Amino acid sequence: MMQQYFLYRDNDEKVISVVPLENGLNEVGNFTGAYFAGPTKEMTDDELMHFKSVHNLYYEQELGSQINIFDL
C-alpha cells in the first residue's frame, strides 16, 4: 500500500494530502479549505486525477516543470 503524499499549487504551497485506501479509493485532505467543504473527502483514482487537473495541482516531483508565458 502506498504512503501518504501531497498535492501542491504552482507556488510550492502544500494544499492537499492524499492517503491511498483500498479498491482505488483515496482519502483526500483539504489543508486550506479552498477546495471542498470539510477536512477530508473520499475520491476514486479517476476523480482525484480530474480534481488535480481542474485545480492545477501538482505532485512534488512536478513542481517547477510548468511552462508559462514568460518561458516562451
Protein backbone atom coordinates (compact mmCIF):
# COMPACT_ATOMS: atom_id res chain seq x y z
CA MET A 1 0.00 0.00 0.00
CA MET A 2 1.26 3.48 -0.89
CA GLN A 3 2.13 6.08 1.69
CA GLN A 4 0.51 9.46 2.10
CA TYR A 5 1.54 12.07 -0.46
CA PHE A 6 0.69 15.70 -1.15
CA LEU A 7 -0.50 17.93 -3.97
CA TYR A 8 0.82 21.46 -4.40
CA ARG A 9 -0.09 24.73 -6.06
CA ASP A 10 2.37 26.09 -8.61
CA ASN A 11 3.85 28.36 -5.91
CA ASP A 12 5.02 25.26 -3.94
CA GLU A 13 2.22 25.60 -1.36
CA LYS A 14 1.17 22.21 0.02
CA VAL A 15 -2.64 22.22 -0.15
CA ILE A 16 -3.91 18.63 -0.40
CA SER A 17 -2.95 15.38 1.31
CA VAL A 18 -3.77 12.05 -0.28
CA VAL A 19 -3.91 8.72 1.54
CA PRO A 20 -4.50 5.82 -0.85
CA LEU A 21 -7.02 3.35 0.54
CA GLU A 22 -8.21 0.04 -0.89
CA ASN A 23 -10.13 -0.57 -4.12
CA GLY A 24 -8.97 2.59 -5.91
CA LEU A 25 -10.23 4.96 -3.22
CA ASN A 26 -8.28 7.83 -1.68
CA GLU A 27 -8.83 9.92 1.42
CA VAL A 28 -8.19 13.48 0.30
CA GLY A 29 -7.37 16.08 2.96
CA ASN A 30 -8.09 19.75 2.36
CA PHE A 31 -5.44 21.85 4.19
CA THR A 32 -6.67 25.25 3.08
CA GLY A 33 -10.42 24.69 2.97
CA ALA A 34 -10.41 26.17 -0.53
CA TYR A 35 -11.39 23.07 -2.50
CA PHE A 36 -14.33 21.42 -0.75
CA ALA A 37 -16.32 21.63 2.48
CA GLY A 38 -14.94 19.63 5.37
CA PRO A 39 -11.45 18.43 6.20
CA THR A 40 -11.48 15.21 4.14
CA LYS A 41 -13.31 13.59 1.27
CA GLU A 42 -13.10 10.19 -0.41
CA MET A 43 -12.34 10.18 -4.14
CA THR A 44 -11.69 7.43 -6.64
CA ASP A 45 -8.41 7.48 -8.56
CA ASP A 46 -10.21 8.92 -11.61
CA GLU A 47 -11.97 11.60 -9.53
CA LEU A 48 -8.65 12.55 -7.93
CA MET A 49 -6.89 12.90 -11.30
CA HIS A 50 -9.76 15.06 -12.59
CA PHE A 51 -9.67 17.17 -9.39
CA LYS A 52 -5.88 17.58 -9.75
CA SER A 53 -6.25 18.72 -13.35
CA VAL A 54 -9.18 21.09 -12.82
CA HIS A 55 -7.47 22.84 -9.89
CA ASN A 56 -3.99 22.96 -11.49
CA LEU A 57 -2.39 20.97 -8.69
CA TYR A 58 0.95 19.19 -8.91
CA TYR A 59 2.83 16.28 -7.42
CA GLU A 60 6.02 17.35 -5.62
CA GLN A 61 8.15 15.99 -8.47
CA GLU A 62 6.19 18.11 -11.00
CA LEU A 63 6.91 21.42 -9.27
CA GLY A 64 8.99 23.75 -11.40
CA SER A 65 8.26 21.79 -14.57
CA GLN A 66 5.39 24.04 -15.70
CA ILE A 67 5.93 26.36 -18.63
CA ASN A 68 4.47 29.84 -18.51
CA ILE A 69 4.14 32.68 -20.99
CA PHE A 70 7.47 34.19 -19.92
CA ASP A 71 9.30 30.97 -20.82
CA LEU A 72 8.28 31.22 -24.49
